[in-house]
């Protein structure tokens, strides 16, 4: 038969191992969740950056297209084109 002190020590050890395993599992899950959150945040930041770049680029592209059409209109109507106004 086992000594009562040994049984108490072993049961305490078992409970400690269970608690430690739960703590380790919790830490691993927390780490994975933090990684996933960081990945999602990086994707969202990239989308926001691209959106900002497009917001800047679209007006410039429209202005360039308008300039080209204005020059073509002048050429079509036989007007002189001043190189200073092209840029």
Protein backbone atom coordinates (compact mmCIF):
# COMPACT_ATOMS: atom_id res chain seq x y z
CA UNK A 1 0.00 0.00 0.00
CA UNK A 2 1.11 3.57 -0.68
CA UNK A 3 1.95 6.07 1.95
CA UNK A 4 -0.69 8.85 2.31
CA UNK A 5 1.92 11.57 1.86
CA UNK A 6 3.08 10.00 -1.39
CA UNK A 7 -0.50 9.84 -2.69
CA UNK A 8 -1.04 13.50 -1.84
CA UNK A 9 2.25 14.43 -3.52
CA UNK A 10 1.42 12.45 -6.65
CA UNK A 11 -2.08 13.90 -6.88
CA UNK A 12 -0.63 17.39 -6.41
CA UNK A 13 1.92 16.65 -9.12
CA UNK A 14 -0.82 15.40 -11.45
CA UNK A 15 -2.90 18.52 -10.82
CA UNK A 16 0.18 20.67 -11.42
CA UNK A 17 0.87 18.90 -14.72
CA UNK A 18 -2.74 19.38 -15.80
CA UNK A 19 -2.71 23.06 -14.85
CA UNK A 20 0.66 23.53 -16.58
CA UNK A 21 -0.61 21.83 -19.73
CA UNK A 22 -3.68 24.05 -19.77
CA UNK A 23 -1.47 27.12 -19.30
CA UNK A 24 0.87 26.05 -22.10
CA UNK A 25 -2.06 25.36 -24.42
CA UNK A 26 -3.54 28.73 -23.57
CA UNK A 27 -0.23 30.44 -24.35
CA UNK A 28 0.06 28.66 -27.72
CA UNK A 29 -3.51 29.55 -28.66
CA UNK A 30 -2.98 33.15 -27.60
CA UNK A 31 0.18 33.34 -29.71
CA UNK A 32 -1.60 31.92 -32.78
CA UNK A 33 -4.49 34.36 -32.34
CA UNK A 34 -2.04 37.26 -32.10
CA UNK A 35 -0.33 36.06 -35.30
CA UNK A 36 -3.63 35.82 -37.17
CA UNK A 37 -4.64 39.27 -35.93
CA UNK A 38 -1.31 40.73 -37.08
CA UNK A 39 -1.72 39.10 -40.50
CA UNK A 40 -5.25 40.48 -40.88
CA UNK A 41 -4.09 43.92 -39.76
CA UNK A 42 -1.25 43.86 -42.30
CA UNK A 43 -3.71 42.96 -45.07
CA UNK A 44 -6.08 45.76 -44.03
CA UNK A 45 -3.20 48.26 -43.85
CA UNK A 46 -2.10 47.23 -47.34
CA UNK A 47 -5.64 47.67 -48.67
CA UNK A 48 -5.89 51.11 -47.04
CA UNK A 49 -2.52 52.15 -48.49
CA UNK A 50 -3.54 51.02 -51.98
CA UNK A 51 -6.82 52.87 -51.64
CA UNK A 52 -5.00 56.08 -50.65
CA UNK A 53 -2.63 55.71 -53.60
CA UNK A 54 -5.58 55.30 -55.96
CA UNK A 55 -7.29 58.35 -54.47
CA UNK A 56 -4.17 60.35 -55.31
CA UNK A 57 -3.60 58.77 -58.73
CA UNK A 58 -7.14 58.97 -60.12
CA UNK A 59 -7.40 62.80 -60.20
CA UNK A 60 -3.95 63.02 -61.78
CA UNK A 61 -4.94 60.50 -64.44
CA UNK A 62 -8.17 62.35 -65.14
CA UNK A 63 -6.29 65.63 -65.44
CA UNK A 64 -3.81 64.05 -67.86
CA UNK A 65 -6.65 62.63 -69.96
CA UNK A 66 -8.37 66.04 -70.02
CA UNK A 67 -5.12 67.68 -71.12
CA UNK A 68 -4.69 65.17 -73.95
CA UNK A 69 -8.28 65.68 -75.12
CA UNK A 70 -7.87 69.46 -74.93
CA UNK A 71 -4.71 69.30 -77.07
CA UNK A 72 -6.37 66.95 -79.56
CA UNK A 73 -9.34 69.31 -79.78
CA UNK A 74 -7.00 72.23 -80.51
CA UNK A 75 -5.14 70.22 -83.15
CA UNK A 76 -8.42 69.19 -84.75
CA UNK A 77 -9.53 72.82 -84.97
CA UNK A 78 -6.19 73.96 -86.36
CA UNK A 79 -5.17 76.02 -83.35
CA UNK A 80 -1.56 76.55 -82.39
CA UNK A 81 -0.35 74.50 -79.47
CA UNK A 82 1.87 76.24 -76.96
CA UNK A 83 4.38 73.75 -75.46
CA UNK A 84 4.16 75.59 -72.13
CA UNK A 85 0.49 74.58 -71.80
CA UNK A 86 1.16 70.92 -72.51
CA UNK A 87 2.88 70.26 -69.21
